[in-house]
């Protein structure tokens, strides 16, 4: 497996982990007694949506032949990862009570996976910059 493919797999795996984090690995708060949902449920839904985008971008890097196109996807990964972080931090966030499951487990896990995703993307951009300059 070449270096570019390895990064593509890593990006896709991080996307899968982010997809699984709010629902499976560290579930958000459940349904309220009145049948409604708390804020963290909607954070879960938004994180799953952005995780699908992250998975697709990782697969694109894995299968695309053009190095410049893969480099552009990696550059787009940075704001996508930042967006995943911001959804959990400020844009939607978790419940108001600090001892709820979403605040104790889900949000830190989302921060971890989205942070690693951004750092891996920045490393990709740094590592493959000379390949782009050779064109």
C-alpha atoms as a PDB file:
ATOM      1  CA  UNK A   1       0.000   0.000   0.000  1.00  0.00           C
ATOM      2  CA  UNK A   2       1.469   3.350  -0.975  1.00  0.00           C
ATOM      3  CA  UNK A   3       1.593   6.430   1.261  1.00  0.00           C
ATOM      4  CA  UNK A   4      -1.365   8.191  -0.373  1.00  0.00           C
ATOM      5  CA  UNK A   5      -3.562   5.117  -0.028  1.00  0.00           C
ATOM      6  CA  UNK A   6      -2.558   4.773   3.615  1.00  0.00           C
ATOM      7  CA  UNK A   7      -3.739   8.318   4.295  1.00  0.00           C
ATOM      8  CA  UNK A   8      -6.971   7.666   2.402  1.00  0.00           C
ATOM      9  CA  UNK A   9      -7.679   4.643   4.586  1.00  0.00           C
ATOM     10  CA  UNK A  10      -6.797   6.626   7.724  1.00  0.00           C
ATOM     11  CA  UNK A  11      -9.179   9.449   6.760  1.00  0.00           C
ATOM     12  CA  UNK A  12     -11.982   6.984   6.021  1.00  0.00           C
ATOM     13  CA  UNK A  13     -11.412   5.114   9.309  1.00  0.00           C
ATOM     14  CA  UNK A  14     -11.474   8.377  11.267  1.00  0.00           C
ATOM     15  CA  UNK A  15     -14.736   9.224   9.522  1.00  0.00           C
ATOM     16  CA  UNK A  16     -16.187   5.844  10.518  1.00  0.00           C
ATOM     17  CA  UNK A  17     -15.054   6.363  14.115  1.00  0.00           C
ATOM     18  CA  UNK A  18     -16.655   9.807  14.163  1.00  0.00           C
ATOM     19  CA  UNK A  19     -19.842   8.312  12.729  1.00  0.00           C
ATOM     20  CA  UNK A  20     -19.917   5.665  15.465  1.00  0.00           C
ATOM     21  CA  UNK A  21     -18.904   7.957  18.339  1.00  0.00           C
ATOM     22  CA  UNK A  22     -22.230   9.673  19.183  1.00  0.00           C
ATOM     23  CA  UNK A  23     -24.435   6.640  18.681  1.00  0.00           C
ATOM     24  CA  UNK A  24     -22.386   3.528  19.468  1.00  0.00           C
ATOM     25  CA  UNK A  25     -19.007   4.234  21.111  1.00  0.00           C
ATOM     26  CA  UNK A  26     -20.232   6.979  23.463  1.00  0.00           C
ATOM     27  CA  UNK A  27     -24.026   7.312  23.089  1.00  0.00           C
ATOM     28  CA  UNK A  28     -25.696  10.662  23.583  1.00  0.00           C
ATOM     29  CA  UNK A  29     -28.552  11.175  26.016  1.00  0.00           C
ATOM     30  CA  UNK A  30     -31.748   9.260  25.324  1.00  0.00           C
ATOM     31  CA  UNK A  31     -35.236  10.437  24.530  1.00  0.00           C
ATOM     32  CA  UNK A  32     -36.990  12.633  27.090  1.00  0.00           C
ATOM     33  CA  UNK A  33     -40.075  11.236  28.872  1.00  0.00           C
ATOM     34  CA  UNK A  34     -42.347  13.443  26.736  1.00  0.00           C
ATOM     35  CA  UNK A  35     -40.953  11.863  23.533  1.00  0.00           C
ATOM     36  CA  UNK A  36     -38.796  14.833  22.556  1.00  0.00           C
ATOM     37  CA  UNK A  37     -35.065  14.940  22.101  1.00  0.00           C
ATOM     38  CA  UNK A  38     -32.381  16.936  23.827  1.00  0.00           C
ATOM     39  CA  UNK A  39     -29.886  19.107  22.016  1.00  0.00           C
ATOM     40  CA  UNK A  40     -27.258  16.374  21.957  1.00  0.00           C
ATOM     41  CA  UNK A  41     -29.489  14.186  19.758  1.00  0.00           C
ATOM     42  CA  UNK A  42     -29.298  16.812  17.034  1.00  0.00           C
ATOM     43  CA  UNK A  43     -25.546  17.113  17.532  1.00  0.00           C
ATOM     44  CA  UNK A  44     -25.407  13.340  16.972  1.00  0.00           C
ATOM     45  CA  UNK A  45     -27.318  13.645  13.710  1.00  0.00           C
ATOM     46  CA  UNK A  46     -25.126  16.494  12.448  1.00  0.00           C
ATOM     47  CA  UNK A  47     -21.915  14.646  13.377  1.00  0.00           C
ATOM     48  CA  UNK A  48     -23.097  11.567  11.513  1.00  0.00           C
ATOM     49  CA  UNK A  49     -23.731  13.686   8.421  1.00  0.00           C
ATOM     50  CA  UNK A  50     -20.300  15.281   8.473  1.00  0.00           C
ATOM     51  CA  UNK A  51     -18.726  11.876   9.196  1.00  0.00           C
ATOM     52  CA  UNK A  52     -20.215  10.509   5.973  1.00  0.00           C
ATOM     53  CA  UNK A  53     -18.539  13.381   4.111  1.00  0.00           C
ATOM     54  CA  UNK A  54     -15.245  12.543   5.835  1.00  0.00           C
ATOM     55  CA  UNK A  55     -15.556   8.878   4.829  1.00  0.00           C
ATOM     56  CA  UNK A  56     -16.251   9.796   1.213  1.00  0.00           C
ATOM     57  CA  UNK A  57     -13.306  12.196   1.114  1.00  0.00           C
ATOM     58  CA  UNK A  58     -11.027   9.484   2.480  1.00  0.00           C
ATOM     59  CA  UNK A  59     -12.246   7.047  -0.160  1.00  0.00           C
ATOM     60  CA  UNK A  60     -11.700   9.649  -2.870  1.00  0.00           C
ATOM     61  CA  UNK A  61      -8.082  10.086  -1.789  1.00  0.00           C
ATOM     62  CA  UNK A  62      -7.721   6.306  -1.750  1.00  0.00           C
ATOM     63  CA  UNK A  63      -9.005   5.737  -5.284  1.00  0.00           C
ATOM     64  CA  UNK A  64      -8.151   8.907  -7.215  1.00  0.00           C
ATOM     65  CA  UNK A  65      -5.045   8.737  -9.412  1.00  0.00           C
ATOM     66  CA  UNK A  66      -4.388  12.474  -9.773  1.00  0.00           C
ATOM     67  CA  UNK A  67      -2.066  13.652  -6.980  1.00  0.00           C
ATOM     68  CA  UNK A  68      -3.170  17.281  -7.282  1.00  0.00           C
ATOM     69  CA  UNK A  69      -6.818  16.268  -6.851  1.00  0.00           C
ATOM     70  CA  UNK A  70      -5.952  14.181  -3.780  1.00  0.00           C
ATOM     71  CA  UNK A  71      -3.980  17.123  -2.394  1.00  0.00           C
ATOM     72  CA  UNK A  72      -7.019  19.365  -2.887  1.00  0.00           C
ATOM     73  CA  UNK A  73      -9.235  16.894  -1.060  1.00  0.00           C
ATOM     74  CA  UNK A  74      -6.744  16.820   1.828  1.00  0.00           C
ATOM     75  CA  UNK A  75      -6.828  20.626   1.902  1.00  0.00           C
ATOM     76  CA  UNK A  76     -10.631  20.484   2.104  1.00  0.00           C
ATOM     77  CA  UNK A  77     -10.355  17.973   4.960  1.00  0.00           C
ATOM     78  CA  UNK A  78      -9.042  20.673   7.289  1.00  0.00           C
ATOM     79  CA  UNK A  79     -12.192  22.850   7.346  1.00  0.00           C
ATOM     80  CA  UNK A  80     -14.407  19.735   7.329  1.00  0.00           C
ATOM     81  CA  UNK A  81     -12.645  18.445  10.445  1.00  0.00           C
ATOM     82  CA  UNK A  82     -12.864  21.868  12.065  1.00  0.00           C
ATOM     83  CA  UNK A  83     -16.585  21.931  11.280  1.00  0.00           C
ATOM     84  CA  UNK A  84     -17.039  18.539  12.966  1.00  0.00           C
ATOM     85  CA  UNK A  85     -15.290  19.947  16.039  1.00  0.00           C
ATOM     86  CA  UNK A  86     -17.371  23.139  16.020  1.00  0.00           C
ATOM     87  CA  UNK A  87     -20.674  21.268  15.761  1.00  0.00           C
ATOM     88  CA  UNK A  88     -19.964  19.596  19.068  1.00  0.00           C
ATOM     89  CA  UNK A  89     -18.333  22.583  20.721  1.00  0.00           C
ATOM     90  CA  UNK A  90     -20.485  25.639  19.885  1.00  0.00           C
ATOM     91  CA  UNK A  91     -22.720  25.274  16.837  1.00  0.00           C
ATOM     92  CA  UNK A  92     -25.031  22.710  18.454  1.00  0.00           C
ATOM     93  CA  UNK A  93     -23.222  21.437  21.533  1.00  0.00           C
ATOM     94  CA  UNK A  94     -24.479  19.155  24.249  1.00  0.00           C
ATOM     95  CA  UNK A  95     -26.921  19.317  27.107  1.00  0.00           C
ATOM     96  CA  UNK A  96     -26.830  22.099  29.682  1.00  0.00           C
ATOM     97  CA  UNK A  97     -26.016  19.833  32.605  1.00  0.00           C
ATOM     98  CA  UNK A  98     -22.271  19.054  32.715  1.00  0.00           C
ATOM     99  CA  UNK A  99     -22.783  15.544  34.120  1.00  0.00           C
ATOM    100  CA  UNK A 100     -24.845  14.277  31.162  1.00  0.00           C
ATOM    101  CA  UNK A 101     -23.443  11.453  29.023  1.00  0.00           C
ATOM    102  CA  UNK A 102     -23.012  13.675  25.991  1.00  0.00           C
ATOM    103  CA  UNK A 103     -20.789  16.101  27.903  1.00  0.00           C
ATOM    104  CA  UNK A 104     -18.794  13.436  29.717  1.00  0.00           C
ATOM    105  CA  UNK A 105     -18.155  10.964  26.890  1.00  0.00           C
ATOM    106  CA  UNK A 106     -19.511  11.909  23.474  1.00  0.00           C
ATOM    107  CA  UNK A 107     -18.143  15.402  23.024  1.00  0.00           C
ATOM    108  CA  UNK A 108     -14.574  14.552  24.147  1.00  0.00           C
ATOM    109  CA  UNK A 109     -14.575  11.613  21.734  1.00  0.00           C
ATOM    110  CA  UNK A 110     -15.763  13.854  18.886  1.00  0.00           C
ATOM    111  CA  UNK A 111     -13.038  16.365  19.788  1.00  0.00           C
ATOM    112  CA  UNK A 112     -10.446  13.602  19.696  1.00  0.00           C
ATOM    113  CA  UNK A 113     -11.458  12.120  16.337  1.00  0.00           C
ATOM    114  CA  UNK A 114     -12.002  15.458  14.587  1.00  0.00           C
ATOM    115  CA  UNK A 115      -8.717  16.789  16.002  1.00  0.00           C
ATOM    116  CA  UNK A 116      -6.777  13.770  14.762  1.00  0.00           C
ATOM    117  CA  UNK A 117      -8.504  14.158  11.385  1.00  0.00           C
ATOM    118  CA  UNK A 118      -7.388  17.789  11.087  1.00  0.00           C
ATOM    119  CA  UNK A 119      -3.837  17.001  12.211  1.00  0.00           C
ATOM    120  CA  UNK A 120      -3.591  14.073   9.782  1.00  0.00           C
ATOM    121  CA  UNK A 121      -4.843  16.324   6.983  1.00  0.00           C
ATOM    122  CA  UNK A 122      -2.267  18.992   7.813  1.00  0.00           C
ATOM    123  CA  UNK A 123       0.438  16.336   7.934  1.00  0.00           C
ATOM    124  CA  UNK A 124      -0.707  15.071   4.504  1.00  0.00           C
ATOM    125  CA  UNK A 125      -0.492  18.599   3.102  1.00  0.00           C
ATOM    126  CA  UNK A 126       3.006  19.043   4.515  1.00  0.00           C
ATOM    127  CA  UNK A 127       4.213  15.561   3.549  1.00  0.00           C
ATOM    128  CA  UNK A 128       2.987  15.625  -0.070  1.00  0.00           C
ATOM    129  CA  UNK A 129       3.720  19.285  -0.905  1.00  0.00           C
ATOM    130  CA  UNK A 130       6.874  18.375  -2.842  1.00  0.00           C
ATOM    131  CA  UNK A 131       4.926  15.855  -4.960  1.00  0.00           C
ATOM    132  CA  UNK A 132       2.660  18.701  -6.011  1.00  0.00           C
ATOM    133  CA  UNK A 133       5.608  20.980  -6.821  1.00  0.00           C
ATOM    134  CA  UNK A 134       7.125  18.355  -9.156  1.00  0.00           C
ATOM    135  CA  UNK A 135       4.202  18.676 -11.555  1.00  0.00           C
END
